[in-house]
N, C-alpha and C. Protein backbone atom coordinates (compact mmCIF):
# COMPACT_ATOMS: atom_id res chain seq x y z
N UNK A 1 61.73 156.95 83.72
CA UNK A 1 62.03 156.23 84.96
C UNK A 1 61.56 157.06 86.15
N UNK A 2 60.70 156.47 87.01
CA UNK A 2 60.21 157.22 88.16
C UNK A 2 61.23 157.23 89.28
N UNK A 3 60.93 157.96 90.34
CA UNK A 3 61.89 158.13 91.43
C UNK A 3 62.23 156.84 92.12
N UNK A 4 61.22 155.98 92.33
CA UNK A 4 61.45 154.71 93.03
C UNK A 4 62.39 153.82 92.25
N UNK A 5 62.21 153.74 90.93
CA UNK A 5 63.09 152.92 90.10
C UNK A 5 64.51 153.46 90.09
N UNK A 6 64.63 154.78 90.10
CA UNK A 6 65.96 155.40 90.11
C UNK A 6 66.72 155.03 91.37
N UNK A 7 66.01 155.05 92.52
CA UNK A 7 66.65 154.68 93.78
C UNK A 7 67.09 153.22 93.74
N UNK A 8 66.24 152.35 93.19
CA UNK A 8 66.56 150.92 93.11
C UNK A 8 67.79 150.68 92.25
N UNK A 9 67.86 151.35 91.07
CA UNK A 9 68.99 151.17 90.17
C UNK A 9 70.29 151.68 90.81
N UNK A 10 70.21 152.81 91.53
CA UNK A 10 71.40 153.35 92.19
C UNK A 10 71.92 152.40 93.26
N UNK A 11 70.98 151.83 94.04
CA UNK A 11 71.37 150.90 95.10
C UNK A 11 72.04 149.67 94.53
N UNK A 12 71.47 149.11 93.45
CA UNK A 12 72.05 147.93 92.81
C UNK A 12 73.43 148.24 92.24
N UNK A 13 73.62 149.45 91.71
CA UNK A 13 74.92 149.83 91.15
C UNK A 13 75.98 149.89 92.23
N UNK A 14 75.62 150.45 93.40
CA UNK A 14 76.57 150.53 94.51
C UNK A 14 76.96 149.15 95.00
N UNK A 15 75.95 148.24 95.11
CA UNK A 15 76.24 146.86 95.55
C UNK A 15 77.16 146.19 94.55
N UNK A 16 76.92 146.41 93.25
CA UNK A 16 77.76 145.78 92.22
C UNK A 16 79.20 146.26 92.30
N UNK A 17 79.40 147.57 92.56
CA UNK A 17 80.75 148.10 92.67
C UNK A 17 81.50 147.46 93.82
N UNK A 18 80.85 147.33 94.99
CA UNK A 18 81.49 146.70 96.15
C UNK A 18 81.77 145.23 95.89
N UNK A 19 80.88 144.56 95.18
CA UNK A 19 81.09 143.15 94.87
C UNK A 19 82.30 142.96 93.98
N UNK A 20 82.45 143.83 92.96
CA UNK A 20 83.60 143.74 92.06
C UNK A 20 84.88 144.04 92.81
N UNK A 21 84.85 145.06 93.68
CA UNK A 21 86.05 145.42 94.46
C UNK A 21 86.48 144.26 95.33
N UNK A 22 85.51 143.56 95.96
CA UNK A 22 85.85 142.42 96.81
C UNK A 22 86.42 141.29 95.99
N UNK A 23 85.90 141.10 94.78
CA UNK A 23 86.33 139.97 93.95
C UNK A 23 87.76 140.13 93.48
N UNK A 24 88.13 141.35 93.06
CA UNK A 24 89.47 141.55 92.52
C UNK A 24 90.49 141.82 93.63
N UNK A 25 90.04 141.94 94.87
CA UNK A 25 90.98 142.06 95.99
C UNK A 25 91.45 143.48 96.25
N UNK A 26 90.64 144.49 95.96
CA UNK A 26 91.01 145.85 96.31
C UNK A 26 91.14 145.95 97.83
N UNK A 27 92.07 146.78 98.30
CA UNK A 27 92.15 147.01 99.74
C UNK A 27 92.38 148.49 100.00
N UNK A 28 91.89 148.95 101.13
CA UNK A 28 92.01 150.35 101.49
C UNK A 28 93.46 150.65 101.87
N UNK A 29 94.00 151.70 101.30
CA UNK A 29 95.37 152.10 101.60
C UNK A 29 95.38 152.97 102.84
N UNK A 30 96.20 152.59 103.81
CA UNK A 30 96.31 153.36 105.05
C UNK A 30 97.27 154.52 104.83
N UNK A 31 96.73 155.71 104.63
CA UNK A 31 97.57 156.87 104.34
C UNK A 31 98.33 157.36 105.57
N UNK A 32 97.94 156.85 106.75
CA UNK A 32 98.63 157.27 107.98
C UNK A 32 99.81 156.38 108.32
N UNK A 33 100.06 155.35 107.49
CA UNK A 33 101.15 154.41 107.78
C UNK A 33 102.50 155.13 107.71
N UNK A 34 103.39 154.76 108.59
CA UNK A 34 104.71 155.38 108.62
C UNK A 34 105.49 154.98 107.38
N UNK A 35 106.34 155.88 106.89
CA UNK A 35 107.17 155.59 105.73
C UNK A 35 108.32 154.68 106.13
N UNK A 36 108.41 153.54 105.47
CA UNK A 36 109.46 152.59 105.80
C UNK A 36 110.71 152.85 104.97
N UNK A 37 111.87 152.73 105.58
CA UNK A 37 113.12 152.92 104.87
C UNK A 37 113.38 151.73 103.94
N UNK A 38 114.03 151.98 102.82
CA UNK A 38 114.31 150.94 101.83
C UNK A 38 115.57 150.18 102.22
N UNK A 39 115.47 148.86 102.28
CA UNK A 39 116.62 148.04 102.62
C UNK A 39 117.52 147.83 101.40
N UNK A 40 118.84 147.65 101.60
CA UNK A 40 119.72 147.31 100.48
C UNK A 40 119.26 146.04 99.78
N UNK A 41 119.41 145.99 98.46
CA UNK A 41 118.86 144.89 97.66
C UNK A 41 119.44 143.53 98.02
N UNK A 42 120.69 143.46 98.42
CA UNK A 42 121.33 142.17 98.66
C UNK A 42 120.91 141.52 99.98
N UNK A 43 120.22 142.26 100.84
CA UNK A 43 119.80 141.68 102.11
C UNK A 43 118.46 140.97 101.92
N UNK A 44 118.41 139.72 102.36
CA UNK A 44 117.20 138.91 102.22
C UNK A 44 116.59 138.70 103.60
N UNK A 45 115.32 139.08 103.76
CA UNK A 45 114.62 138.94 105.04
C UNK A 45 113.48 137.94 104.89
N UNK A 46 113.35 137.03 105.83
CA UNK A 46 112.30 136.02 105.80
C UNK A 46 110.94 136.70 105.82
N UNK A 47 110.04 136.28 104.93
CA UNK A 47 108.70 136.87 104.78
C UNK A 47 108.77 138.37 104.53
N UNK A 48 109.95 138.85 104.10
CA UNK A 48 110.15 140.26 103.76
C UNK A 48 109.90 141.21 104.94
N UNK A 49 109.97 140.68 106.15
CA UNK A 49 109.82 141.52 107.35
C UNK A 49 111.17 142.15 107.69
N UNK A 50 111.23 143.47 107.68
CA UNK A 50 112.47 144.16 107.98
C UNK A 50 112.21 145.29 108.97
N UNK A 51 113.29 145.90 109.45
CA UNK A 51 113.21 146.89 110.52
C UNK A 51 113.55 148.28 110.02
N UNK A 52 112.76 149.25 110.44
CA UNK A 52 113.05 150.66 110.20
C UNK A 52 113.10 151.37 111.55
N UNK A 53 114.10 152.22 111.74
CA UNK A 53 114.21 153.00 112.97
C UNK A 53 114.04 154.48 112.65
N UNK A 54 113.11 155.13 113.33
CA UNK A 54 112.92 156.57 113.19
C UNK A 54 113.53 157.26 114.41
N UNK A 55 114.63 157.97 114.19
CA UNK A 55 115.30 158.71 115.26
C UNK A 55 114.81 160.15 115.24
N UNK A 56 114.45 160.66 116.40
CA UNK A 56 113.97 162.04 116.51
C UNK A 56 114.83 162.80 117.52
N UNK A 57 115.66 163.69 116.97
CA UNK A 57 116.55 164.51 117.80
C UNK A 57 115.98 165.93 117.90
N UNK A 58 116.59 166.74 118.75
CA UNK A 58 116.12 168.11 118.92
C UNK A 58 116.26 168.92 117.64
N UNK A 59 117.30 168.61 116.84
CA UNK A 59 117.58 169.40 115.64
C UNK A 59 117.07 168.77 114.35
N UNK A 60 116.54 167.56 114.40
CA UNK A 60 116.07 166.90 113.18
C UNK A 60 115.81 165.43 113.40
N UNK A 61 115.35 164.76 112.36
CA UNK A 61 115.04 163.33 112.47
C UNK A 61 115.62 162.56 111.29
N UNK A 62 115.80 161.25 111.49
CA UNK A 62 116.33 160.37 110.45
C UNK A 62 115.58 159.04 110.46
N UNK A 63 115.13 158.59 109.28
CA UNK A 63 114.51 157.28 109.15
C UNK A 63 115.51 156.35 108.48
N UNK A 64 115.87 155.27 109.18
CA UNK A 64 117.03 154.47 108.77
C UNK A 64 116.65 152.99 108.63
N UNK A 65 117.05 152.33 107.53
CA UNK A 65 116.86 150.88 107.43
C UNK A 65 117.85 150.17 108.35
N UNK A 66 117.34 149.26 109.16
CA UNK A 66 118.16 148.54 110.14
C UNK A 66 118.25 147.07 109.73
N UNK A 67 119.47 146.51 109.77
CA UNK A 67 119.64 145.11 109.40
C UNK A 67 119.49 144.16 110.59
N UNK A 68 119.88 144.62 111.77
CA UNK A 68 119.72 143.77 112.96
C UNK A 68 119.23 144.62 114.14
N UNK A 69 118.16 144.13 114.77
CA UNK A 69 117.59 144.81 115.94
C UNK A 69 117.36 143.76 117.02
N UNK A 70 117.89 144.02 118.22
CA UNK A 70 117.73 143.07 119.33
C UNK A 70 117.38 143.82 120.60
N UNK A 71 116.29 143.41 121.25
CA UNK A 71 115.94 143.98 122.55
C UNK A 71 116.69 143.22 123.64
N UNK A 72 117.43 143.95 124.46
CA UNK A 72 118.23 143.33 125.51
C UNK A 72 117.47 143.29 126.83
N UNK A 73 116.83 144.40 127.18
CA UNK A 73 116.09 144.45 128.44
C UNK A 73 115.00 145.51 128.35
N UNK A 74 114.09 145.47 129.33
CA UNK A 74 113.02 146.44 129.39
C UNK A 74 111.68 145.82 129.72
N UNK A 75 111.50 144.55 129.37
CA UNK A 75 110.22 143.90 129.62
C UNK A 75 110.14 143.38 131.06
N UNK A 76 111.23 142.80 131.53
CA UNK A 76 111.25 142.23 132.87
C UNK A 76 111.33 143.27 133.96
N UNK A 77 111.29 142.81 135.20
CA UNK A 77 111.31 143.71 136.36
C UNK A 77 112.59 143.54 137.16
N UNK A 78 113.12 144.67 137.62
CA UNK A 78 114.25 144.61 138.54
C UNK A 78 113.79 144.10 139.90
N UNK A 79 112.63 144.60 140.30
CA UNK A 79 112.04 144.19 141.57
C UNK A 79 110.53 144.30 141.41
N UNK A 80 109.80 144.21 142.48
CA UNK A 80 108.35 144.30 142.42
C UNK A 80 107.86 145.72 142.15
N UNK A 81 108.78 146.69 142.22
CA UNK A 81 108.38 148.09 142.07
C UNK A 81 108.99 148.79 140.86
N UNK A 82 109.87 148.14 140.12
CA UNK A 82 110.52 148.84 139.01
C UNK A 82 110.82 147.90 137.85
N UNK A 83 110.88 148.47 136.65
CA UNK A 83 111.19 147.74 135.43
C UNK A 83 112.69 147.81 135.15
N UNK A 84 113.14 146.91 134.30
CA UNK A 84 114.51 146.99 133.82
C UNK A 84 114.67 148.21 132.93
N UNK A 85 115.89 148.68 132.77
CA UNK A 85 116.17 149.79 131.87
C UNK A 85 115.98 149.33 130.44
N UNK A 86 115.10 149.97 129.65
CA UNK A 86 114.90 149.56 128.25
C UNK A 86 116.20 149.75 127.46
N UNK A 87 116.72 148.66 126.93
CA UNK A 87 117.99 148.67 126.21
C UNK A 87 117.88 147.80 124.97
N UNK A 88 118.44 148.28 123.87
CA UNK A 88 118.42 147.48 122.64
C UNK A 88 119.68 147.76 121.83
N UNK A 89 119.97 146.87 120.89
CA UNK A 89 121.10 147.05 119.99
C UNK A 89 120.59 147.16 118.56
N UNK A 90 121.32 147.94 117.77
CA UNK A 90 121.02 148.11 116.35
C UNK A 90 122.28 147.89 115.53
N UNK A 91 122.11 147.35 114.36
CA UNK A 91 123.22 147.23 113.42
C UNK A 91 122.73 147.67 112.05
N UNK A 92 123.48 148.56 111.41
CA UNK A 92 123.11 149.07 110.10
C UNK A 92 124.35 149.29 109.24
N UNK A 93 124.14 149.39 107.94
CA UNK A 93 125.24 149.69 107.04
C UNK A 93 125.71 151.12 107.27
N UNK A 94 127.02 151.33 107.28
CA UNK A 94 127.56 152.68 107.42
C UNK A 94 127.02 153.54 106.28
N UNK A 95 126.48 154.72 106.64
CA UNK A 95 125.87 155.56 105.62
C UNK A 95 125.65 156.97 106.09
N UNK A 96 124.79 157.68 105.38
CA UNK A 96 124.55 159.10 105.64
C UNK A 96 123.53 159.29 106.76
N UNK A 97 124.01 159.24 107.99
CA UNK A 97 123.15 159.45 109.17
C UNK A 97 123.85 160.41 110.13
N UNK A 98 123.96 161.68 109.75
CA UNK A 98 124.76 162.63 110.54
C UNK A 98 124.25 162.86 111.96
N UNK A 99 122.93 162.89 112.16
CA UNK A 99 122.40 163.12 113.51
C UNK A 99 122.74 161.95 114.44
N UNK A 100 122.61 160.75 113.92
CA UNK A 100 122.91 159.56 114.74
C UNK A 100 124.39 159.49 115.08
N UNK A 101 125.25 159.81 114.11
CA UNK A 101 126.68 159.82 114.38
C UNK A 101 127.04 160.91 115.39
N UNK A 102 126.38 162.06 115.29
CA UNK A 102 126.65 163.15 116.25
C UNK A 102 126.27 162.71 117.65
N UNK A 103 125.16 161.96 117.77
CA UNK A 103 124.73 161.46 119.09
C UNK A 103 125.77 160.50 119.67
N UNK A 104 126.35 159.66 118.82
CA UNK A 104 127.37 158.72 119.29
C UNK A 104 128.64 159.47 119.70
N UNK A 105 129.06 160.44 118.90
CA UNK A 105 130.29 161.18 119.19
C UNK A 105 130.14 162.01 120.47
N UNK A 106 128.99 162.65 120.63
CA UNK A 106 128.79 163.50 121.81
C UNK A 106 128.64 162.66 123.08
N UNK A 107 128.05 161.47 122.95
CA UNK A 107 127.95 160.58 124.12
C UNK A 107 129.34 160.14 124.58
N UNK A 108 130.24 159.91 123.63
CA UNK A 108 131.61 159.51 123.97
C UNK A 108 132.38 160.65 124.62
N UNK A 109 132.18 161.87 124.11
CA UNK A 109 132.93 163.03 124.62
C UNK A 109 132.38 163.57 125.93
N UNK A 110 131.11 163.24 126.24
CA UNK A 110 130.47 163.79 127.44
C UNK A 110 129.83 162.65 128.25
N UNK A 111 130.68 161.86 128.86
CA UNK A 111 130.21 160.66 129.55
C UNK A 111 129.24 160.99 130.68
N UNK A 112 129.52 162.03 131.44
CA UNK A 112 128.69 162.34 132.61
C UNK A 112 127.95 163.66 132.51
N UNK A 113 128.02 164.35 131.35
CA UNK A 113 127.41 165.67 131.23
C UNK A 113 126.22 165.68 130.30
N UNK A 114 125.69 166.88 130.08
CA UNK A 114 124.58 167.08 129.17
C UNK A 114 125.12 167.52 127.80
N UNK A 115 124.44 167.09 126.74
CA UNK A 115 124.85 167.46 125.40
C UNK A 115 123.62 167.49 124.50
N UNK A 116 123.68 168.20 123.36
CA UNK A 116 122.49 168.49 122.55
C UNK A 116 121.71 167.27 122.09
N UNK A 117 122.38 166.17 121.76
CA UNK A 117 121.67 165.02 121.20
C UNK A 117 121.18 164.01 122.25
N UNK A 118 121.41 164.30 123.52
CA UNK A 118 120.96 163.38 124.56
C UNK A 118 119.43 163.44 124.68
N UNK A 119 118.85 162.35 125.14
CA UNK A 119 117.40 162.26 125.35
C UNK A 119 116.61 162.33 124.04
N UNK A 120 117.09 161.60 123.04
CA UNK A 120 116.36 161.54 121.77
C UNK A 120 115.32 160.42 121.82
N UNK A 121 114.44 160.40 120.84
CA UNK A 121 113.42 159.36 120.75
C UNK A 121 113.69 158.42 119.59
N UNK A 122 113.29 157.16 119.76
CA UNK A 122 113.44 156.17 118.69
C UNK A 122 112.14 155.36 118.59
N UNK A 123 111.63 155.23 117.36
CA UNK A 123 110.49 154.35 117.13
C UNK A 123 110.93 153.27 116.16
N UNK A 124 110.75 152.02 116.57
CA UNK A 124 111.13 150.87 115.75
C UNK A 124 109.89 150.31 115.07
N UNK A 125 109.98 150.10 113.76
CA UNK A 125 108.87 149.53 112.98
C UNK A 125 109.30 148.20 112.39
N UNK A 126 108.53 147.14 112.65
CA UNK A 126 108.74 145.84 112.01
C UNK A 126 107.64 145.69 110.96
N UNK A 127 108.01 145.69 109.69
CA UNK A 127 107.00 145.76 108.64
C UNK A 127 107.37 144.93 107.42
N UNK A 128 106.37 144.71 106.57
CA UNK A 128 106.55 144.02 105.29
C UNK A 128 105.53 144.56 104.31
N UNK A 129 106.00 144.97 103.14
CA UNK A 129 105.09 145.45 102.11
C UNK A 129 104.24 146.63 102.51
N UNK A 130 104.75 147.49 103.38
CA UNK A 130 104.00 148.65 103.80
C UNK A 130 103.10 148.42 105.01
N UNK A 131 102.97 147.15 105.44
CA UNK A 131 102.16 146.83 106.61
C UNK A 131 103.05 146.74 107.85
N UNK A 132 102.73 147.53 108.87
CA UNK A 132 103.50 147.49 110.11
C UNK A 132 102.88 146.45 111.04
N UNK A 133 103.63 145.41 111.37
CA UNK A 133 103.13 144.33 112.22
C UNK A 133 103.40 144.59 113.70
N UNK A 134 104.53 145.23 113.98
CA UNK A 134 104.92 145.45 115.38
C UNK A 134 105.72 146.73 115.44
N UNK A 135 105.60 147.43 116.57
CA UNK A 135 106.31 148.69 116.71
C UNK A 135 106.65 148.92 118.18
N UNK A 136 107.75 149.66 118.41
CA UNK A 136 108.19 149.97 119.76
C UNK A 136 108.60 151.43 119.82
N UNK A 137 108.08 152.14 120.80
CA UNK A 137 108.41 153.56 120.96
C UNK A 137 109.30 153.73 122.19
N UNK A 138 110.48 154.27 121.98
CA UNK A 138 111.43 154.52 123.06
C UNK A 138 111.60 156.04 123.24
N UNK A 139 111.72 156.47 124.49
CA UNK A 139 111.85 157.91 124.79
C UNK A 139 113.03 158.15 125.72
N UNK A 140 113.57 159.37 125.65
CA UNK A 140 114.69 159.79 126.51
C UNK A 140 115.85 158.80 126.41
N UNK A 141 116.39 158.67 125.22
CA UNK A 141 117.43 157.67 124.95
C UNK A 141 118.82 158.30 124.84
N UNK A 142 119.82 157.45 125.00
CA UNK A 142 121.21 157.84 124.80
C UNK A 142 122.00 156.62 124.34
N UNK A 143 123.04 156.87 123.57
CA UNK A 143 123.90 155.79 123.07
C UNK A 143 124.94 155.47 124.13
N UNK A 144 125.02 154.21 124.52
CA UNK A 144 125.97 153.80 125.55
C UNK A 144 127.16 153.03 124.98
N UNK A 145 127.06 152.60 123.72
CA UNK A 145 128.19 151.92 123.09
C UNK A 145 128.08 152.03 121.58
N UNK A 146 129.21 152.21 120.91
CA UNK A 146 129.22 152.34 119.45
C UNK A 146 130.51 151.75 118.90
N UNK A 147 130.41 151.01 117.81
CA UNK A 147 131.58 150.43 117.16
C UNK A 147 131.28 150.23 115.69
N UNK A 148 132.34 150.17 114.90
CA UNK A 148 132.23 149.85 113.48
C UNK A 148 132.88 148.50 113.25
N UNK A 149 132.19 147.65 112.50
CA UNK A 149 132.70 146.30 112.24
C UNK A 149 132.50 145.95 110.77
N UNK A 150 133.25 144.94 110.32
CA UNK A 150 133.12 144.44 108.95
C UNK A 150 132.59 143.02 109.00
N UNK A 151 131.51 142.78 108.27
CA UNK A 151 130.90 141.45 108.23
C UNK A 151 131.03 140.83 106.85
N UNK A 152 131.17 139.50 106.82
CA UNK A 152 131.19 138.78 105.54
C UNK A 152 130.24 137.60 105.65
N UNK A 153 129.77 137.12 104.52
CA UNK A 153 128.89 135.96 104.51
C UNK A 153 129.65 134.75 105.06
N UNK A 154 129.10 134.09 106.06
CA UNK A 154 129.82 132.99 106.71
C UNK A 154 130.02 131.79 105.80
N UNK A 155 129.19 131.65 104.78
CA UNK A 155 129.31 130.49 103.90
C UNK A 155 130.19 130.78 102.69
N UNK A 156 130.07 131.99 102.12
CA UNK A 156 130.78 132.28 100.89
C UNK A 156 132.04 133.10 101.10
N UNK A 157 132.14 133.75 102.25
CA UNK A 157 133.37 134.43 102.64
C UNK A 157 133.94 135.39 101.61
N UNK A 158 135.25 135.32 101.41
CA UNK A 158 135.96 136.28 100.59
C UNK A 158 135.58 136.21 99.11
N UNK A 159 135.16 135.06 98.63
CA UNK A 159 134.89 134.91 97.21
C UNK A 159 133.42 134.99 96.87
N UNK A 160 132.57 135.27 97.85
CA UNK A 160 131.13 135.25 97.61
C UNK A 160 130.53 136.62 97.41
N UNK A 161 129.59 136.98 98.26
CA UNK A 161 128.80 138.19 98.06
C UNK A 161 129.53 139.46 98.46
N UNK A 162 130.63 139.34 99.17
CA UNK A 162 131.38 140.53 99.55
C UNK A 162 131.29 140.83 101.02
N UNK A 163 131.57 142.08 101.37
CA UNK A 163 131.65 142.50 102.76
C UNK A 163 130.66 143.62 103.04
N UNK A 164 130.30 143.74 104.30
CA UNK A 164 129.43 144.84 104.74
C UNK A 164 130.10 145.54 105.92
N UNK A 165 130.33 146.83 105.78
CA UNK A 165 130.87 147.63 106.88
C UNK A 165 129.68 148.21 107.64
N UNK A 166 129.58 147.88 108.93
CA UNK A 166 128.37 148.20 109.68
C UNK A 166 128.64 149.03 110.93
N UNK A 167 127.64 149.83 111.30
CA UNK A 167 127.62 150.52 112.59
C UNK A 167 126.89 149.64 113.59
N UNK A 168 127.44 149.54 114.81
CA UNK A 168 126.80 148.77 115.87
C UNK A 168 126.55 149.71 117.06
N UNK A 169 125.29 149.81 117.47
CA UNK A 169 124.91 150.72 118.55
C UNK A 169 124.25 149.95 119.69
N UNK A 170 124.55 150.37 120.92
CA UNK A 170 123.77 149.97 122.09
C UNK A 170 123.11 151.22 122.63
N UNK A 171 121.79 151.17 122.83
CA UNK A 171 121.03 152.35 123.21
C UNK A 171 120.18 152.06 124.44
N UNK A 172 120.28 152.94 125.43
CA UNK A 172 119.46 152.83 126.64
C UNK A 172 118.45 153.98 126.68
N UNK A 173 117.28 153.68 127.20
CA UNK A 173 116.20 154.68 127.23
C UNK A 173 115.50 154.66 128.59
N UNK A 174 114.83 155.75 128.93
CA UNK A 174 114.08 155.80 130.17
C UNK A 174 112.58 155.56 129.94
N UNK A 175 112.17 155.55 128.68
CA UNK A 175 110.77 155.29 128.36
C UNK A 175 110.64 154.22 127.31
N UNK A 176 109.59 153.38 127.45
CA UNK A 176 109.39 152.27 126.51
C UNK A 176 107.91 151.96 126.42
N UNK A 177 107.40 151.84 125.19
CA UNK A 177 106.00 151.49 124.98
C UNK A 177 105.87 150.55 123.79
N UNK A 178 105.44 149.30 124.01
CA UNK A 178 105.19 148.40 122.88
C UNK A 178 103.89 148.78 122.18
N UNK A 179 103.89 148.73 120.86
CA UNK A 179 102.72 149.13 120.08
C UNK A 179 102.25 147.95 119.22
N UNK A 180 100.94 147.90 118.98
CA UNK A 180 100.32 146.79 118.24
C UNK A 180 99.41 147.37 117.15
N UNK A 181 99.98 147.81 116.02
CA UNK A 181 99.20 148.50 114.98
C UNK A 181 98.04 147.68 114.42
N UNK A 182 98.22 146.36 114.25
CA UNK A 182 97.16 145.53 113.68
C UNK A 182 95.97 145.46 114.62
N UNK A 183 96.22 145.29 115.92
CA UNK A 183 95.14 145.26 116.89
C UNK A 183 94.42 146.61 116.96
N UNK A 184 95.18 147.70 116.83
CA UNK A 184 94.58 149.03 116.84
C UNK A 184 93.59 149.18 115.69
N UNK A 185 93.95 148.66 114.52
CA UNK A 185 93.04 148.75 113.37
C UNK A 185 91.80 147.89 113.59
N UNK A 186 91.97 146.73 114.23
CA UNK A 186 90.83 145.85 114.49
C UNK A 186 89.85 146.48 115.47
N UNK A 187 90.34 147.33 116.36
CA UNK A 187 89.50 147.93 117.39
C UNK A 187 88.79 149.20 116.92
N UNK A 188 89.09 149.66 115.71
CA UNK A 188 88.43 150.85 115.18
C UNK A 188 87.05 150.46 114.68
N UNK A 189 86.00 151.03 115.25
CA UNK A 189 84.62 150.75 114.86
C UNK A 189 84.02 152.01 114.27
N UNK A 190 83.62 151.92 113.00
CA UNK A 190 83.02 153.07 112.35
C UNK A 190 81.56 153.20 112.75
N UNK A 191 81.11 154.43 113.03
CA UNK A 191 79.74 154.68 113.40
C UNK A 191 78.87 154.78 112.14
N UNK A 192 77.72 154.10 112.16
CA UNK A 192 76.80 154.14 111.03
C UNK A 192 76.16 155.52 110.93
N UNK A 193 75.99 156.00 109.71
CA UNK A 193 75.37 157.30 109.48
C UNK A 193 73.86 157.11 109.40
N UNK A 194 73.21 157.12 110.56
CA UNK A 194 71.76 156.90 110.62
C UNK A 194 71.08 158.13 111.22
N UNK A 195 69.77 158.19 111.05
CA UNK A 195 68.98 159.28 111.60
C UNK A 195 68.10 158.73 112.69
N UNK A 196 68.17 159.30 113.87
CA UNK A 196 67.35 158.84 114.98
C UNK A 196 65.94 159.39 114.85
N UNK A 197 65.02 158.79 115.60
CA UNK A 197 63.63 159.23 115.54
C UNK A 197 63.48 160.67 115.98
N UNK A 198 64.34 161.13 116.86
CA UNK A 198 64.26 162.52 117.34
C UNK A 198 64.65 163.52 116.26
N UNK A 199 65.38 163.01 115.21
CA UNK A 199 65.80 163.90 114.14
C UNK A 199 64.76 164.04 113.04
N UNK A 200 63.72 163.22 113.06
CA UNK A 200 62.77 163.20 111.95
C UNK A 200 61.95 164.48 111.86
N UNK A 201 61.90 165.26 112.93
CA UNK A 201 61.15 166.51 112.89
C UNK A 201 61.89 167.59 112.13
N UNK A 202 63.20 167.40 111.93
CA UNK A 202 64.00 168.38 111.20
C UNK A 202 63.89 168.10 109.71
N UNK A 203 63.33 169.02 108.94
CA UNK A 203 63.10 168.79 107.51
C UNK A 203 64.39 168.59 106.73
N UNK A 204 65.48 169.21 107.20
CA UNK A 204 66.73 169.07 106.46
C UNK A 204 67.32 167.67 106.57
N UNK A 205 66.76 166.78 107.43
CA UNK A 205 67.22 165.41 107.55
C UNK A 205 66.41 164.46 106.67
N UNK A 206 65.35 164.96 106.03
CA UNK A 206 64.51 164.08 105.22
C UNK A 206 65.21 163.77 103.91
N UNK A 207 65.00 162.56 103.43
CA UNK A 207 65.59 162.15 102.16
C UNK A 207 64.87 162.79 100.99
N UNK A 208 65.54 162.77 99.82
CA UNK A 208 64.98 163.33 98.60
C UNK A 208 63.70 162.59 98.24
N UNK A 209 62.62 163.32 97.92
CA UNK A 209 61.38 162.69 97.51
C UNK A 209 60.36 162.61 98.62
N UNK A 210 60.78 162.92 99.85
CA UNK A 210 59.85 162.89 100.98
C UNK A 210 59.37 164.31 101.26
N UNK A 211 58.09 164.47 101.43
CA UNK A 211 57.51 165.78 101.70
C UNK A 211 56.59 165.66 102.91
N UNK A 212 56.41 166.74 103.66
CA UNK A 212 55.55 166.66 104.84
C UNK A 212 54.11 166.37 104.44
N UNK A 213 53.44 165.58 105.22
CA UNK A 213 52.04 165.26 104.97
C UNK A 213 51.17 166.42 105.34
N UNK A 214 50.31 166.85 104.40
CA UNK A 214 49.43 167.98 104.64
C UNK A 214 48.15 167.56 105.34
């Protein structure tokens, strides 16, 4: 097999591999995707879209599955010169979240003072199957209200699926940024690996089998 035929066979093999990959539905795995928290099995979310909250405190971070997330304010304007205070509520099952509980306890004990867990960051991820559809980054946050409540299924009540003991938080922040991960991926344009005419004088850019003309 001469050099020209070898190049032709290699090219056809590469095309065949891509064709097979497209046919069976292979997709590139985004290794930079944020790790989503696992939701309790009994919770059913439409289209499997659920919420994960990443809390970042001075002493550590916690990634927590959230059952209810509601934005209260932050998008609208107080006046022509200022935005509303970004505020949202979270509801989650009572569990092992020591940093978040410390932030709630310290906010209650130090209403007007400074304390270690104040000004933490929160990133909210709305995702399904590892794909993040929507995200919100909050900065310089503090807990302004906290309560524990017990919820039951409204239809099946005491004899049905049981009860859920939940934490309810209201959180205010001084920074807010809406994120659009899908649009960000669409806007990524890969540069083609080509050689410009100005590079042809450099022998190390020549392909295999090409030699200078004598």
